[in-house]
Amino acid sequence: MAPRSALLPDDGDAARLAGLTGLRVVRRHVRWSRTVPLDVHLANIGSRSAFLVLGEEHHRDFLAEERRRIREIFPDEQVEESYVVDLLVAGRARAGSTGT
């Protein structure tokens, strides 16, 4: 069993936070990855709201440094991005069921 993340709620809290209390909930973590060109990867990073409020100079400087660092790891400029989707699937609880 992997250590619990301080950022991820446990299954019961996740169901409650998602408004799924009283439903039968199954939780899965779906891992996937894709390979994208470096420019696509940087454009995705640069579109995040945290970067949009930095101001143009800081935004540009950050992405230039990020490009330099990523090229060291991915010299062919094809970046592998890995993701984990936290998926909650809910169904109606059966009569007499306690939900989660």
Protein backbone atom coordinates (compact mmCIF):
# COMPACT_ATOMS: atom_id res chain seq x y z
CA MET A 1 0.00 0.00 0.00
CA ALA A 2 1.39 3.42 -0.99
CA PRO A 3 1.75 6.08 1.69
CA ARG A 4 -1.24 8.42 1.96
CA SER A 5 -0.81 11.82 0.41
CA ALA A 6 -1.42 14.81 2.64
CA LEU A 7 -3.28 16.36 -0.33
CA LEU A 8 -5.66 13.49 -1.09
CA PRO A 9 -8.61 12.79 1.18
CA ASP A 10 -9.34 9.20 2.16
CA ASP A 11 -12.15 7.40 0.32
CA GLY A 12 -14.91 8.46 2.74
CA ASP A 13 -13.86 12.11 2.73
CA ALA A 14 -13.51 12.08 -1.07
CA ALA A 15 -17.09 10.82 -1.44
CA ARG A 16 -18.38 13.43 1.03
CA LEU A 17 -16.45 16.27 -0.64
CA ALA A 18 -17.80 15.20 -4.04
CA GLY A 19 -21.38 15.34 -2.72
CA LEU A 20 -21.79 11.57 -2.99
CA THR A 21 -22.79 10.81 0.60
CA GLY A 22 -25.37 8.05 0.75
CA LEU A 23 -24.34 6.53 -2.56
CA ARG A 24 -22.32 3.39 -3.18
CA VAL A 25 -18.91 4.77 -4.23
CA VAL A 26 -15.96 2.99 -5.81
CA ARG A 27 -12.68 4.88 -6.08
CA ARG A 28 -9.90 4.10 -8.52
CA HIS A 29 -6.65 5.79 -9.45
CA VAL A 30 -6.12 5.55 -13.20
CA ARG A 31 -2.52 6.09 -14.31
CA TRP A 32 -1.71 7.14 -17.84
CA SER A 33 0.98 8.99 -19.76
CA ARG A 34 1.52 10.64 -23.07
CA THR A 35 4.46 12.00 -25.01
CA VAL A 36 4.23 15.55 -26.35
CA PRO A 37 6.65 17.99 -27.98
CA LEU A 38 8.45 20.32 -25.56
CA ASP A 39 6.60 23.37 -26.90
CA VAL A 40 3.21 21.73 -26.19
CA HIS A 41 4.33 20.83 -22.66
CA LEU A 42 5.48 24.41 -21.98
CA ALA A 43 2.29 25.88 -23.45
CA ASN A 44 0.23 23.68 -21.11
CA ILE A 45 2.28 24.80 -18.10
CA GLY A 46 2.10 28.44 -19.17
CA SER A 47 -1.69 28.34 -19.41
CA ARG A 48 -2.14 27.67 -15.67
CA SER A 49 -3.67 30.56 -13.78
CA ALA A 50 -0.75 30.74 -11.32
CA PHE A 51 1.56 31.63 -14.19
CA LEU A 52 -0.85 34.08 -15.77
CA VAL A 53 -0.68 36.34 -12.70
CA LEU A 54 3.14 36.40 -12.56
CA GLY A 55 3.45 39.18 -15.09
CA GLU A 56 4.91 38.81 -18.56
CA GLU A 57 8.61 39.09 -17.60
CA HIS A 58 8.45 36.52 -14.78
CA HIS A 59 6.31 34.21 -16.92
CA ARG A 60 8.81 34.40 -19.80
CA ASP A 61 11.83 33.92 -17.49
CA PHE A 62 10.26 30.91 -15.78
CA LEU A 63 9.40 29.18 -19.06
CA ALA A 64 12.89 29.86 -20.49
CA GLU A 65 14.49 28.24 -17.43
CA GLU A 66 12.00 25.37 -17.53
CA ARG A 67 12.84 24.81 -21.23
CA ARG A 68 16.55 24.66 -20.39
CA ARG A 69 16.01 22.14 -17.58
CA ILE A 70 13.64 19.93 -19.55
CA ARG A 71 16.05 19.78 -22.49
CA GLU A 72 18.62 18.27 -20.12
CA ILE A 73 16.22 15.42 -19.30
CA PHE A 74 14.54 15.10 -22.73
CA PRO A 75 17.19 16.15 -25.29
CA ASP A 76 14.96 15.03 -28.20
CA GLU A 77 12.35 17.54 -26.93
CA GLN A 78 9.70 14.81 -26.62
CA VAL A 79 8.38 15.07 -23.05
CA GLU A 80 6.67 12.19 -21.29
CA GLU A 81 3.87 13.54 -19.10
CA SER A 82 2.51 11.17 -16.45
CA TYR A 83 -0.90 11.59 -14.83
CA VAL A 84 -3.06 9.96 -12.19
CA VAL A 85 -6.80 10.47 -12.42
CA ASP A 86 -8.65 10.18 -9.10
CA LEU A 87 -11.93 8.62 -10.23
CA LEU A 88 -15.06 8.25 -8.09
CA VAL A 89 -17.88 6.15 -9.54
CA ALA A 90 -21.17 6.25 -7.66
CA GLY A 91 -24.35 4.24 -7.84
CA ARG A 92 -27.50 4.45 -5.83
CA ALA A 93 -27.25 2.64 -2.53
CA ARG A 94 -29.44 -0.43 -2.16
CA ALA A 95 -32.08 -0.49 0.53
CA GLY A 96 -30.40 -1.18 3.86
CA SER A 97 -26.95 -0.24 2.53
CA THR A 98 -24.75 2.17 4.45
CA GLY A 99 -23.30 3.84 1.31
CA THR A 100 -19.56 4.18 0.96
